[in-house]
Amino acid sequence: MTDLLQRVAENVQEHMDAILKNFKPDAKITVLVRFPDKPTADFCMTGDDLDAVADMVERRRASVTPQAGSRLRSEFVPGAWRCPKCNFRLLQSNLNAADGTVTARDTPGDKCPNCAAPLWRVSWKDEAQENLSIAENQLERALAAERKLAEALEVIRPFAREAATWTAEAPDDYQIKVKLATKVIQSKLTVGHVRAAGSLLQKENGND
């Protein structure tokens, strides 16, 4: 630390101590000096935890009145909040008893139930990115399920073709089920695969 910066820090510290005399003994203070055209030349002194300071700033941003911060509010999803630590998500709503409608509750809510951290607002950009990620994941699952179902259908189709023969050889349905179950087990299919493929096979036969 240079001599000049040391003198500045000492001067700021004196003023911080003077300001804190107006508050309770457990109060914390942060001094931040920012140069808009020099993003790396800021000055910060604090006796607080910087994460807690960031949480406080976010709460103040969220509490801006619509008149003073309409542009700021438009950047966030109404009523949507997220924990920055554990990613817990909260959607706040108001139930209007007069007309039965449900509207977004766009005021700071409870703290995170998992880690007690203040909840942050969710931007439209973050919301869009999360929805895109969910859609892509669901599409991948659907394609994988279709492939598995096609494999299961190929295994089930020969069973259906042999059903008439099995019925002739084994008058009772129990023996037919034993043969079917044995082949299914050998093919390593799940019950879900068998049922889904069976349903598709019935639709195919109905369309023939």
N, C-alpha and C. Protein backbone atom coordinates (compact mmCIF):
# COMPACT_ATOMS: atom_id res chain seq x y z
N MET A 1 0.85 -1.19 0.00
CA MET A 1 0.00 0.00 0.00
C MET A 1 0.88 1.24 0.00
N THR A 2 0.62 2.15 -0.93
CA THR A 2 1.41 3.38 -1.02
C THR A 2 1.09 4.31 0.15
N ASP A 3 1.98 5.29 0.36
CA ASP A 3 1.76 6.26 1.45
C ASP A 3 0.46 7.02 1.25
N LEU A 4 0.18 7.41 -0.01
CA LEU A 4 -1.04 8.16 -0.29
C LEU A 4 -2.28 7.32 0.02
N LEU A 5 -2.25 6.06 -0.41
CA LEU A 5 -3.39 5.20 -0.17
C LEU A 5 -3.55 4.91 1.32
N GLN A 6 -2.43 4.83 2.03
CA GLN A 6 -2.48 4.61 3.46
C GLN A 6 -3.15 5.79 4.17
N ARG A 7 -2.82 7.01 3.75
CA ARG A 7 -3.42 8.19 4.36
C ARG A 7 -4.91 8.25 4.04
N VAL A 8 -5.27 7.89 2.81
CA VAL A 8 -6.69 7.87 2.43
C VAL A 8 -7.45 6.86 3.28
N ALA A 9 -6.86 5.68 3.45
CA ALA A 9 -7.52 4.63 4.23
C ALA A 9 -7.73 5.07 5.68
N GLU A 10 -6.71 5.74 6.25
CA GLU A 10 -6.82 6.20 7.63
C GLU A 10 -7.90 7.27 7.76
N ASN A 11 -7.97 8.17 6.78
CA ASN A 11 -8.98 9.23 6.80
C ASN A 11 -10.39 8.64 6.68
N VAL A 12 -10.54 7.68 5.75
CA VAL A 12 -11.86 7.03 5.56
C VAL A 12 -12.25 6.28 6.82
N GLN A 13 -11.28 5.60 7.45
CA GLN A 13 -11.57 4.84 8.66
C GLN A 13 -12.08 5.75 9.77
N GLU A 14 -11.52 6.92 9.89
CA GLU A 14 -11.97 7.86 10.92
C GLU A 14 -13.44 8.25 10.67
N HIS A 15 -13.76 8.51 9.42
CA HIS A 15 -15.13 8.89 9.10
C HIS A 15 -16.09 7.70 9.28
N MET A 16 -15.61 6.50 8.98
CA MET A 16 -16.45 5.32 9.19
C MET A 16 -16.76 5.15 10.68
N ASP A 17 -15.75 5.35 11.52
CA ASP A 17 -15.97 5.25 12.97
C ASP A 17 -16.97 6.30 13.44
N ALA A 18 -16.88 7.52 12.87
CA ALA A 18 -17.79 8.59 13.26
C ALA A 18 -19.23 8.26 12.84
N ILE A 19 -19.39 7.69 11.67
CA ILE A 19 -20.73 7.32 11.18
C ILE A 19 -21.32 6.22 12.05
N LEU A 20 -20.51 5.23 12.42
CA LEU A 20 -21.00 4.09 13.19
C LEU A 20 -21.48 4.49 14.59
N LYS A 21 -21.02 5.64 15.08
CA LYS A 21 -21.46 6.09 16.41
C LYS A 21 -22.96 6.39 16.43
N ASN A 22 -23.55 6.56 15.25
CA ASN A 22 -24.98 6.86 15.16
C ASN A 22 -25.84 5.60 15.17
N PHE A 23 -25.19 4.42 15.20
CA PHE A 23 -25.92 3.16 15.12
C PHE A 23 -25.58 2.26 16.30
N LYS A 24 -26.27 1.16 16.40
CA LYS A 24 -26.02 0.20 17.47
C LYS A 24 -24.63 -0.41 17.32
N PRO A 25 -24.06 -0.94 18.43
CA PRO A 25 -22.67 -1.42 18.40
C PRO A 25 -22.41 -2.54 17.40
N ASP A 26 -23.45 -3.33 17.05
CA ASP A 26 -23.21 -4.47 16.15
C ASP A 26 -23.38 -4.10 14.68
N ALA A 27 -23.53 -2.80 14.38
CA ALA A 27 -23.71 -2.38 12.98
C ALA A 27 -22.42 -2.54 12.20
N LYS A 28 -22.57 -2.82 10.91
CA LYS A 28 -21.43 -2.96 10.00
C LYS A 28 -21.48 -1.82 8.98
N ILE A 29 -20.32 -1.45 8.46
CA ILE A 29 -20.27 -0.34 7.50
C ILE A 29 -19.35 -0.70 6.34
N THR A 30 -19.72 -0.23 5.17
CA THR A 30 -18.91 -0.43 3.97
C THR A 30 -18.84 0.89 3.21
N VAL A 31 -17.65 1.26 2.79
CA VAL A 31 -17.45 2.46 1.99
C VAL A 31 -16.92 2.02 0.62
N LEU A 32 -17.64 2.41 -0.41
CA LEU A 32 -17.25 2.05 -1.77
C LEU A 32 -17.20 3.30 -2.62
N VAL A 33 -16.05 3.56 -3.21
CA VAL A 33 -15.88 4.69 -4.12
C VAL A 33 -15.62 4.12 -5.51
N ARG A 34 -16.49 4.50 -6.46
CA ARG A 34 -16.42 3.91 -7.80
C ARG A 34 -16.21 5.01 -8.85
N PHE A 35 -15.35 4.72 -9.84
CA PHE A 35 -15.13 5.61 -10.96
C PHE A 35 -15.80 4.98 -12.20
N PRO A 36 -16.90 5.56 -12.68
CA PRO A 36 -17.65 4.95 -13.78
C PRO A 36 -16.82 4.63 -15.01
N ASP A 37 -15.82 5.46 -15.31
CA ASP A 37 -15.02 5.23 -16.51
C ASP A 37 -13.76 4.42 -16.22
N LYS A 38 -13.57 3.99 -14.96
CA LYS A 38 -12.40 3.19 -14.60
C LYS A 38 -12.85 2.03 -13.71
N PRO A 39 -13.35 0.93 -14.31
CA PRO A 39 -13.93 -0.16 -13.53
C PRO A 39 -12.97 -0.87 -12.60
N THR A 40 -11.67 -0.73 -12.82
CA THR A 40 -10.69 -1.41 -11.95
C THR A 40 -10.06 -0.46 -10.94
N ALA A 41 -10.54 0.79 -10.88
CA ALA A 41 -9.93 1.77 -9.99
C ALA A 41 -10.82 2.08 -8.79
N ASP A 42 -11.69 1.17 -8.41
CA ASP A 42 -12.59 1.44 -7.30
C ASP A 42 -11.86 1.30 -5.96
N PHE A 43 -12.46 1.90 -4.94
CA PHE A 43 -11.91 1.86 -3.59
C PHE A 43 -12.98 1.30 -2.65
N CYS A 44 -12.59 0.32 -1.84
CA CYS A 44 -13.56 -0.30 -0.94
C CYS A 44 -12.92 -0.55 0.42
N MET A 45 -13.62 -0.12 1.48
CA MET A 45 -13.23 -0.45 2.85
C MET A 45 -14.47 -0.94 3.56
N THR A 46 -14.34 -2.04 4.27
CA THR A 46 -15.51 -2.60 4.95
C THR A 46 -15.09 -3.38 6.19
N GLY A 47 -15.98 -3.38 7.14
CA GLY A 47 -15.80 -4.24 8.31
C GLY A 47 -16.81 -5.36 8.27
N ASP A 48 -17.42 -5.56 7.10
CA ASP A 48 -18.49 -6.54 6.93
C ASP A 48 -18.01 -7.65 6.00
N ASP A 49 -18.84 -8.67 5.87
CA ASP A 49 -18.59 -9.75 4.92
C ASP A 49 -19.10 -9.31 3.55
N LEU A 50 -18.26 -9.42 2.52
CA LEU A 50 -18.63 -8.90 1.21
C LEU A 50 -19.84 -9.63 0.61
N ASP A 51 -20.00 -10.92 0.91
CA ASP A 51 -21.19 -11.64 0.43
C ASP A 51 -22.45 -11.05 1.06
N ALA A 52 -22.35 -10.71 2.35
CA ALA A 52 -23.50 -10.10 3.03
C ALA A 52 -23.79 -8.72 2.45
N VAL A 53 -22.74 -8.00 2.08
CA VAL A 53 -22.93 -6.68 1.46
C VAL A 53 -23.63 -6.83 0.12
N ALA A 54 -23.20 -7.84 -0.66
CA ALA A 54 -23.83 -8.08 -1.97
C ALA A 54 -25.31 -8.44 -1.80
N ASP A 55 -25.61 -9.23 -0.77
CA ASP A 55 -27.02 -9.57 -0.50
C ASP A 55 -27.84 -8.33 -0.18
N MET A 56 -27.24 -7.42 0.60
CA MET A 56 -27.95 -6.19 0.97
C MET A 56 -28.22 -5.34 -0.27
N VAL A 57 -27.22 -5.23 -1.15
CA VAL A 57 -27.39 -4.45 -2.38
C VAL A 57 -28.51 -5.03 -3.22
N GLU A 58 -28.56 -6.36 -3.30
CA GLU A 58 -29.60 -7.02 -4.09
C GLU A 58 -30.98 -6.75 -3.49
N ARG A 59 -31.07 -6.76 -2.16
CA ARG A 59 -32.35 -6.46 -1.53
C ARG A 59 -32.79 -5.03 -1.83
N ARG A 60 -31.83 -4.10 -1.80
CA ARG A 60 -32.17 -2.71 -2.10
C ARG A 60 -32.60 -2.56 -3.56
N ARG A 61 -31.93 -3.29 -4.45
CA ARG A 61 -32.33 -3.26 -5.86
C ARG A 61 -33.76 -3.76 -6.03
N ALA A 62 -34.10 -4.82 -5.28
CA ALA A 62 -35.44 -5.41 -5.40
C ALA A 62 -36.52 -4.53 -4.82
N SER A 63 -36.14 -3.64 -3.89
CA SER A 63 -37.14 -2.81 -3.23
C SER A 63 -37.33 -1.46 -3.90
N VAL A 64 -36.70 -1.27 -5.06
CA VAL A 64 -36.87 0.00 -5.79
C VAL A 64 -38.33 0.15 -6.19
N THR A 65 -38.89 1.33 -6.02
CA THR A 65 -40.30 1.57 -6.37
C THR A 65 -40.48 1.49 -7.87
N PRO A 66 -41.68 1.10 -8.35
CA PRO A 66 -41.91 1.02 -9.79
C PRO A 66 -41.64 2.33 -10.51
N GLN A 67 -41.93 3.50 -9.87
CA GLN A 67 -41.72 4.77 -10.53
C GLN A 67 -40.23 5.04 -10.73
N ALA A 68 -39.45 4.70 -9.69
CA ALA A 68 -38.02 5.01 -9.76
C ALA A 68 -37.24 3.93 -10.48
N GLY A 69 -37.76 2.72 -10.52
CA GLY A 69 -36.97 1.64 -11.11
C GLY A 69 -37.76 0.76 -12.04
N SER A 70 -38.62 1.35 -12.88
CA SER A 70 -39.43 0.54 -13.78
C SER A 70 -38.56 -0.23 -14.76
N ARG A 71 -37.46 0.39 -15.23
CA ARG A 71 -36.57 -0.31 -16.16
C ARG A 71 -35.91 -1.49 -15.46
N LEU A 72 -35.47 -1.26 -14.22
CA LEU A 72 -34.81 -2.32 -13.46
C LEU A 72 -35.76 -3.49 -13.23
N ARG A 73 -37.00 -3.18 -12.82
CA ARG A 73 -37.96 -4.23 -12.53
C ARG A 73 -38.30 -5.03 -13.77
N SER A 74 -38.30 -4.38 -14.94
CA SER A 74 -38.66 -5.09 -16.17
C SER A 74 -37.64 -6.14 -16.55
N GLU A 75 -36.47 -6.10 -15.94
CA GLU A 75 -35.42 -7.06 -16.26
C GLU A 75 -35.61 -8.38 -15.51
N PHE A 76 -36.55 -8.43 -14.56
CA PHE A 76 -36.71 -9.61 -13.72
C PHE A 76 -38.08 -10.25 -13.90
N VAL A 77 -38.12 -11.55 -13.63
CA VAL A 77 -39.37 -12.30 -13.71
C VAL A 77 -40.22 -11.96 -12.48
N PRO A 78 -41.45 -11.47 -12.65
CA PRO A 78 -42.27 -11.10 -11.49
C PRO A 78 -42.51 -12.29 -10.55
N GLY A 79 -42.19 -12.07 -9.29
CA GLY A 79 -42.47 -13.09 -8.27
C GLY A 79 -41.47 -14.23 -8.20
N ALA A 80 -40.43 -14.24 -9.05
CA ALA A 80 -39.47 -15.34 -9.08
C ALA A 80 -38.21 -14.95 -8.30
N TRP A 81 -37.78 -15.86 -7.40
CA TRP A 81 -36.61 -15.63 -6.55
C TRP A 81 -35.76 -16.89 -6.50
N ARG A 82 -34.44 -16.71 -6.34
CA ARG A 82 -33.53 -17.86 -6.30
C ARG A 82 -32.45 -17.62 -5.26
N CYS A 83 -32.04 -18.71 -4.60
CA CYS A 83 -30.95 -18.63 -3.63
C CYS A 83 -29.62 -18.68 -4.38
N PRO A 84 -28.72 -17.72 -4.17
CA PRO A 84 -27.44 -17.73 -4.88
C PRO A 84 -26.48 -18.81 -4.39
N LYS A 85 -26.77 -19.40 -3.24
CA LYS A 85 -25.85 -20.40 -2.68
C LYS A 85 -26.25 -21.83 -3.07
N CYS A 86 -27.54 -22.19 -2.87
CA CYS A 86 -27.95 -23.58 -3.12
C CYS A 86 -28.88 -23.71 -4.32
N ASN A 87 -29.20 -22.58 -4.99
CA ASN A 87 -30.04 -22.57 -6.19
C ASN A 87 -31.50 -22.90 -5.90
N PHE A 88 -31.93 -22.83 -4.64
CA PHE A 88 -33.36 -23.02 -4.32
C PHE A 88 -34.16 -21.95 -5.04
N ARG A 89 -35.33 -22.33 -5.55
CA ARG A 89 -36.17 -21.39 -6.32
C ARG A 89 -37.52 -21.22 -5.64
N LEU A 90 -37.98 -19.97 -5.57
CA LEU A 90 -39.26 -19.66 -4.95
C LEU A 90 -40.08 -18.82 -5.91
N LEU A 91 -41.34 -19.21 -6.12
CA LEU A 91 -42.26 -18.42 -6.92
C LEU A 91 -43.35 -17.89 -5.99
N GLN A 92 -43.37 -16.57 -5.78
CA GLN A 92 -44.31 -15.95 -4.86
C GLN A 92 -45.55 -15.45 -5.61
N SER A 93 -46.71 -15.70 -5.03
CA SER A 93 -47.96 -15.27 -5.65
C SER A 93 -48.92 -14.73 -4.60
N ASN A 94 -49.83 -13.88 -5.05
CA ASN A 94 -50.91 -13.37 -4.21
C ASN A 94 -52.23 -13.96 -4.68
N LEU A 95 -53.01 -14.50 -3.75
CA LEU A 95 -54.35 -14.96 -4.05
C LEU A 95 -55.32 -13.83 -3.67
N ASN A 96 -55.94 -13.24 -4.66
CA ASN A 96 -56.83 -12.10 -4.44
C ASN A 96 -58.24 -12.61 -4.14
N ALA A 97 -58.63 -12.52 -2.86
CA ALA A 97 -59.91 -13.08 -2.42
C ALA A 97 -61.10 -12.40 -3.07
N ALA A 98 -60.95 -11.14 -3.44
CA ALA A 98 -62.09 -10.39 -3.98
C ALA A 98 -62.58 -10.96 -5.31
N ASP A 99 -61.64 -11.29 -6.19
CA ASP A 99 -62.05 -11.78 -7.51
C ASP A 99 -61.50 -13.17 -7.84
N GLY A 100 -60.73 -13.77 -6.92
CA GLY A 100 -60.22 -15.12 -7.14
C GLY A 100 -59.03 -15.22 -8.06
N THR A 101 -58.45 -14.09 -8.46
CA THR A 101 -57.31 -14.12 -9.37
C THR A 101 -56.01 -14.34 -8.59
N VAL A 102 -54.99 -14.79 -9.30
CA VAL A 102 -53.66 -15.00 -8.72
C VAL A 102 -52.67 -14.11 -9.46
N THR A 103 -51.95 -13.29 -8.72
CA THR A 103 -50.97 -12.39 -9.32
C THR A 103 -49.62 -12.58 -8.64
N ALA A 104 -48.57 -12.13 -9.32
CA ALA A 104 -47.22 -12.26 -8.79
C ALA A 104 -47.02 -11.34 -7.58
N ARG A 105 -46.38 -11.86 -6.54
CA ARG A 105 -46.03 -11.04 -5.37
C ARG A 105 -44.58 -10.61 -5.56
N ASP A 106 -44.40 -9.37 -5.95
CA ASP A 106 -43.09 -8.90 -6.40
C ASP A 106 -42.33 -8.13 -5.33
N THR A 107 -42.43 -8.59 -4.09
CA THR A 107 -41.69 -7.97 -2.99
C THR A 107 -40.76 -9.00 -2.37
N PRO A 108 -39.64 -8.57 -1.76
CA PRO A 108 -38.72 -9.52 -1.14
C PRO A 108 -39.44 -10.44 -0.17
N GLY A 109 -39.17 -11.73 -0.28
CA GLY A 109 -39.87 -12.70 0.55
C GLY A 109 -38.99 -13.29 1.63
N ASP A 110 -39.30 -14.53 2.01
CA ASP A 110 -38.56 -15.19 3.08
C ASP A 110 -37.16 -15.54 2.62
N LYS A 111 -36.33 -15.88 3.59
CA LYS A 111 -34.98 -16.34 3.26
C LYS A 111 -35.03 -17.79 2.79
N CYS A 112 -33.93 -18.26 2.22
CA CYS A 112 -33.86 -19.62 1.71
C CYS A 112 -34.08 -20.62 2.84
N PRO A 113 -34.98 -21.60 2.68
CA PRO A 113 -35.23 -22.57 3.75
C PRO A 113 -34.08 -23.56 3.93
N ASN A 114 -33.17 -23.62 2.97
CA ASN A 114 -32.05 -24.56 3.06
C ASN A 114 -30.85 -23.97 3.79
N CYS A 115 -30.49 -22.72 3.46
CA CYS A 115 -29.27 -22.15 4.03
C CYS A 115 -29.48 -20.76 4.63
N ALA A 116 -30.73 -20.29 4.69
CA ALA A 116 -31.08 -19.02 5.33
C ALA A 116 -30.47 -17.81 4.64
N ALA A 117 -30.03 -17.96 3.39
CA ALA A 117 -29.46 -16.83 2.66
C ALA A 117 -30.59 -15.99 2.05
N PRO A 118 -30.40 -14.70 1.90
CA PRO A 118 -31.42 -13.87 1.25
C PRO A 118 -31.61 -14.31 -0.20
N LEU A 119 -32.84 -14.31 -0.67
CA LEU A 119 -33.13 -14.74 -2.03
C LEU A 119 -32.91 -13.59 -3.01
N TRP A 120 -32.37 -13.93 -4.18
CA TRP A 120 -32.12 -12.93 -5.23
C TRP A 120 -33.20 -13.05 -6.30
N ARG A 121 -33.43 -11.95 -7.01
CA ARG A 121 -34.40 -11.96 -8.09
C ARG A 121 -33.87 -12.74 -9.29
N VAL A 122 -34.78 -13.25 -10.12
CA VAL A 122 -34.42 -14.03 -11.31
C VAL A 122 -34.63 -13.16 -12.54
N SER A 123 -33.58 -12.99 -13.33
CA SER A 123 -33.69 -12.18 -14.54
C SER A 123 -34.36 -12.97 -15.65
N TRP A 124 -34.90 -12.25 -16.62
CA TRP A 124 -35.53 -12.93 -17.76
C TRP A 124 -34.51 -13.74 -18.55
N LYS A 125 -33.27 -13.26 -18.60
CA LYS A 125 -32.23 -13.99 -19.31
C LYS A 125 -31.95 -15.32 -18.63
N ASP A 126 -31.80 -15.30 -17.30
CA ASP A 126 -31.56 -16.54 -16.56
C ASP A 126 -32.75 -17.49 -16.70
N GLU A 127 -33.97 -16.92 -16.68
CA GLU A 127 -35.17 -17.74 -16.83
C GLU A 127 -35.19 -18.42 -18.19
N ALA A 128 -34.86 -17.67 -19.24
CA ALA A 128 -34.85 -18.23 -20.59
C ALA A 128 -33.80 -19.32 -20.73
N GLN A 129 -32.61 -19.08 -20.17
CA GLN A 129 -31.55 -20.08 -20.25
C GLN A 129 -31.91 -21.35 -19.50
N GLU A 130 -32.55 -21.20 -18.34
CA GLU A 130 -32.96 -22.38 -17.57
C GLU A 130 -34.05 -23.16 -18.31
N ASN A 131 -35.02 -22.45 -18.89
CA ASN A 131 -36.08 -23.12 -19.63
C ASN A 131 -35.53 -23.84 -20.85
N LEU A 132 -34.54 -23.23 -21.53
CA LEU A 132 -33.91 -23.87 -22.67
C LEU A 132 -33.20 -25.14 -22.25
N SER A 133 -32.50 -25.08 -21.12
CA SER A 133 -31.79 -26.26 -20.61
C SER A 133 -32.76 -27.39 -20.28
N ILE A 134 -33.90 -27.04 -19.65
CA ILE A 134 -34.90 -28.04 -19.31
C ILE A 134 -35.48 -28.66 -20.58
N ALA A 135 -35.78 -27.81 -21.59
CA ALA A 135 -36.35 -28.32 -22.84
C ALA A 135 -35.39 -29.26 -23.55
N GLU A 136 -34.10 -28.89 -23.58
CA GLU A 136 -33.11 -29.75 -24.22
C GLU A 136 -32.97 -31.09 -23.49
N ASN A 137 -33.01 -31.04 -22.16
CA ASN A 137 -32.91 -32.26 -21.36
C ASN A 137 -34.11 -33.17 -21.61
N GLN A 138 -35.31 -32.58 -21.65
CA GLN A 138 -36.51 -33.37 -21.88
C GLN A 138 -36.52 -33.97 -23.29
N LEU A 139 -36.02 -33.22 -24.27
CA LEU A 139 -35.94 -33.74 -25.63
C LEU A 139 -35.00 -34.93 -25.71
N GLU A 140 -33.84 -34.81 -25.04
CA GLU A 140 -32.89 -35.93 -25.03
C GLU A 140 -33.51 -37.16 -24.38
N ARG A 141 -34.25 -36.96 -23.29
CA ARG A 141 -34.91 -38.08 -22.62
C ARG A 141 -35.97 -38.72 -23.53
N ALA A 142 -36.73 -37.86 -24.23
CA ALA A 142 -37.77 -38.38 -25.12
C ALA A 142 -37.17 -39.20 -26.26
N LEU A 143 -36.08 -38.70 -26.85
CA LEU A 143 -35.43 -39.43 -27.94
C LEU A 143 -34.86 -40.76 -27.45
N ALA A 144 -34.26 -40.73 -26.25
CA ALA A 144 -33.72 -41.97 -25.69
C ALA A 144 -34.82 -42.97 -25.41
N ALA A 145 -35.97 -42.48 -24.90
CA ALA A 145 -37.10 -43.37 -24.62
C ALA A 145 -37.66 -43.98 -25.90
N GLU A 146 -37.70 -43.17 -26.98
CA GLU A 146 -38.19 -43.68 -28.26
C GLU A 146 -37.28 -44.77 -28.80
N ARG A 147 -35.97 -44.59 -28.64
CA ARG A 147 -35.04 -45.63 -29.10
C ARG A 147 -35.22 -46.92 -28.31
N LYS A 148 -35.35 -46.78 -26.98
CA LYS A 148 -35.56 -47.96 -26.15
C LYS A 148 -36.87 -48.65 -26.49
N LEU A 149 -37.90 -47.86 -26.75
CA LEU A 149 -39.21 -48.42 -27.06
C LEU A 149 -39.18 -49.14 -28.40
N ALA A 150 -38.43 -48.59 -29.36
CA ALA A 150 -38.31 -49.26 -30.65
C ALA A 150 -37.60 -50.60 -30.49
N GLU A 151 -36.57 -50.63 -29.65
CA GLU A 151 -35.87 -51.90 -29.39
C GLU A 151 -36.81 -52.91 -28.73
N ALA A 152 -37.60 -52.41 -27.76
CA ALA A 152 -38.53 -53.31 -27.08
C ALA A 152 -39.59 -53.84 -28.03
N LEU A 153 -40.05 -52.99 -28.95
CA LEU A 153 -41.08 -53.41 -29.89
C LEU A 153 -40.57 -54.51 -30.82
N GLU A 154 -39.31 -54.41 -31.19
CA GLU A 154 -38.73 -55.45 -32.05
C GLU A 154 -38.65 -56.79 -31.33
N VAL A 155 -38.49 -56.73 -30.00
CA VAL A 155 -38.45 -57.98 -29.24
C VAL A 155 -39.86 -58.52 -29.01
N ILE A 156 -40.81 -57.63 -28.78
CA ILE A 156 -42.18 -58.06 -28.49
C ILE A 156 -42.89 -58.60 -29.72
N ARG A 157 -42.60 -58.03 -30.90
CA ARG A 157 -43.33 -58.42 -32.12
C ARG A 157 -43.26 -59.93 -32.40
N PRO A 158 -42.08 -60.58 -32.30
CA PRO A 158 -42.05 -62.04 -32.52
C PRO A 158 -42.89 -62.81 -31.50
N PHE A 159 -42.96 -62.31 -30.26
CA PHE A 159 -43.79 -62.99 -29.26
C PHE A 159 -45.25 -63.02 -29.71
N ALA A 160 -45.70 -61.87 -30.25
CA ALA A 160 -47.10 -61.80 -30.68
C ALA A 160 -47.36 -62.76 -31.83
N ARG A 161 -46.38 -62.90 -32.74
CA ARG A 161 -46.56 -63.80 -33.88
C ARG A 161 -46.63 -65.26 -33.46
N GLU A 162 -45.94 -65.56 -32.34
CA GLU A 162 -45.93 -66.94 -31.86
C GLU A 162 -47.09 -67.25 -30.92
N ALA A 163 -47.87 -66.25 -30.59
CA ALA A 163 -48.92 -66.44 -29.58
C ALA A 163 -49.91 -67.52 -29.99
N ALA A 164 -50.29 -67.54 -31.29
CA ALA A 164 -51.26 -68.54 -31.74
C ALA A 164 -50.71 -69.95 -31.58
N THR A 165 -49.43 -70.11 -31.89
CA THR A 165 -48.81 -71.44 -31.75
C THR A 165 -48.76 -71.86 -30.30
N TRP A 166 -48.39 -70.91 -29.42
CA TRP A 166 -48.32 -71.24 -28.00
C TRP A 166 -49.69 -71.65 -27.46
N THR A 167 -50.71 -70.95 -27.93
CA THR A 167 -52.06 -71.26 -27.47
C THR A 167 -52.46 -72.67 -27.86
N ALA A 168 -52.06 -73.09 -29.05
CA ALA A 168 -52.38 -74.45 -29.50
C ALA A 168 -51.62 -75.49 -28.71
N GLU A 169 -50.36 -75.17 -28.39
CA GLU A 169 -49.54 -76.14 -27.67
C GLU A 169 -49.90 -76.19 -26.19
N ALA A 170 -50.29 -75.05 -25.63
CA ALA A 170 -50.56 -74.98 -24.19
C ALA A 170 -51.94 -74.42 -23.96
N PRO A 171 -52.92 -75.29 -23.68
CA PRO A 171 -54.29 -74.82 -23.52
C PRO A 171 -54.45 -73.80 -22.41
N ASP A 172 -53.58 -73.88 -21.41
CA ASP A 172 -53.82 -72.94 -20.31
C ASP A 172 -52.91 -71.71 -20.43
N ASP A 173 -53.47 -70.56 -20.08
CA ASP A 173 -52.76 -69.29 -20.26
C ASP A 173 -51.51 -69.21 -19.41
N TYR A 174 -51.46 -69.95 -18.31
CA TYR A 174 -50.32 -69.87 -17.40
C TYR A 174 -49.03 -70.25 -18.12
N GLN A 175 -49.06 -71.34 -18.87
CA GLN A 175 -47.86 -71.78 -19.57
C GLN A 175 -47.44 -70.77 -20.64
N ILE A 176 -48.42 -70.14 -21.27
CA ILE A 176 -48.09 -69.10 -22.26
C ILE A 176 -47.36 -67.94 -21.58
N LYS A 177 -47.86 -67.54 -20.42
CA LYS A 177 -47.25 -66.44 -19.69
C LYS A 177 -45.83 -66.79 -19.24
N VAL A 178 -45.64 -68.06 -18.87
CA VAL A 178 -44.30 -68.49 -18.46
C VAL A 178 -43.33 -68.36 -19.62
N LYS A 179 -43.74 -68.80 -20.81
CA LYS A 179 -42.87 -68.70 -21.97
C LYS A 179 -42.56 -67.24 -22.30
N LEU A 180 -43.60 -66.42 -22.26
CA LEU A 180 -43.42 -65.01 -22.55
C LEU A 180 -42.48 -64.35 -21.54
N ALA A 181 -42.71 -64.64 -20.26
CA ALA A 181 -41.88 -64.05 -19.21
C ALA A 181 -40.43 -64.49 -19.34
N THR A 182 -40.21 -65.76 -19.69
CA THR A 182 -38.85 -66.28 -19.85
C THR A 182 -38.10 -65.53 -20.95
N LYS A 183 -38.78 -65.33 -22.08
CA LYS A 183 -38.13 -64.64 -23.19
C LYS A 183 -37.89 -63.17 -22.86
N VAL A 184 -38.81 -62.55 -22.16
CA VAL A 184 -38.63 -61.15 -21.77
C VAL A 184 -37.44 -61.01 -20.84
N ILE A 185 -37.33 -61.93 -19.87
CA ILE A 185 -36.20 -61.87 -18.92
C ILE A 185 -34.89 -62.03 -19.66
N GLN A 186 -34.87 -62.96 -20.61
CA GLN A 186 -33.65 -63.19 -21.38
C GLN A 186 -33.27 -61.97 -22.22
N SER A 187 -34.26 -61.22 -22.65
CA SER A 187 -34.00 -60.03 -23.46
C SER A 187 -33.61 -58.81 -22.62
N LYS A 188 -33.71 -58.93 -21.28
CA LYS A 188 -33.34 -57.87 -20.34
C LYS A 188 -34.19 -56.59 -20.50
N LEU A 189 -35.45 -56.78 -20.83
CA LEU A 189 -36.35 -55.65 -20.93
C LEU A 189 -37.00 -55.38 -19.58
N THR A 190 -37.37 -54.13 -19.36
CA THR A 190 -38.09 -53.79 -18.14
C THR A 190 -39.59 -54.01 -18.37
N VAL A 191 -40.34 -54.04 -17.28
CA VAL A 191 -41.80 -54.18 -17.39
C VAL A 191 -42.38 -53.00 -18.17
N GLY A 192 -41.84 -51.82 -17.95
CA GLY A 192 -42.31 -50.64 -18.68
C GLY A 192 -42.12 -50.78 -20.18
N HIS A 193 -40.95 -51.33 -20.58
CA HIS A 193 -40.71 -51.54 -22.00
C HIS A 193 -41.73 -52.50 -22.60
N VAL A 194 -41.98 -53.58 -21.88
CA VAL A 194 -42.90 -54.60 -22.38
C VAL A 194 -44.31 -54.02 -22.53
N ARG A 195 -44.77 -53.30 -21.51
CA ARG A 195 -46.12 -52.74 -21.57
C ARG A 195 -46.25 -51.71 -22.68
N ALA A 196 -45.25 -50.82 -22.79
CA ALA A 196 -45.30 -49.78 -23.81
C ALA A 196 -45.26 -50.39 -25.21
N ALA A 197 -44.37 -51.36 -25.40
CA ALA A 197 -44.27 -52.01 -26.69
C ALA A 197 -45.54 -52.79 -27.01
N GLY A 198 -46.10 -53.41 -25.98
CA GLY A 198 -47.35 -54.14 -26.19
C GLY A 198 -48.48 -53.23 -26.64
N SER A 199 -48.53 -52.04 -26.06
CA SER A 199 -49.57 -51.06 -26.46
C SER A 199 -49.37 -50.63 -27.90
N LEU A 200 -48.12 -50.37 -28.28
CA LEU A 200 -47.85 -49.99 -29.66
C LEU A 200 -48.20 -51.11 -30.63
N LEU A 201 -47.91 -52.33 -30.20
CA LEU A 201 -48.19 -53.49 -31.06
C LEU A 201 -49.69 -53.64 -31.28
N GLN A 202 -50.47 -53.41 -30.23
CA GLN A 202 -51.93 -53.48 -30.36
C GLN A 202 -52.45 -52.41 -31.34
N LYS A 203 -51.84 -51.22 -31.26
CA LYS A 203 -52.24 -50.15 -32.20
C LYS A 203 -51.88 -50.53 -33.63
N GLU A 204 -50.71 -51.15 -33.80
CA GLU A 204 -50.31 -51.58 -35.14
C GLU A 204 -51.30 -52.61 -35.69
N ASN A 205 -51.64 -53.57 -34.87
CA ASN A 205 -52.57 -54.62 -35.30
C ASN A 205 -53.95 -54.04 -35.61
N GLY A 206 -54.33 -53.01 -34.84
CA GLY A 206 -55.63 -52.39 -35.06
C GLY A 206 -55.68 -51.61 -36.35
N ASN A 207 -54.49 -51.11 -36.80
CA ASN A 207 -54.43 -50.34 -38.05
C ASN A 207 -54.26 -51.22 -39.28
N ASP A 208 -53.95 -52.50 -39.07
CA ASP A 208 -53.74 -53.40 -40.21
C ASP A 208 -55.05 -53.73 -40.90
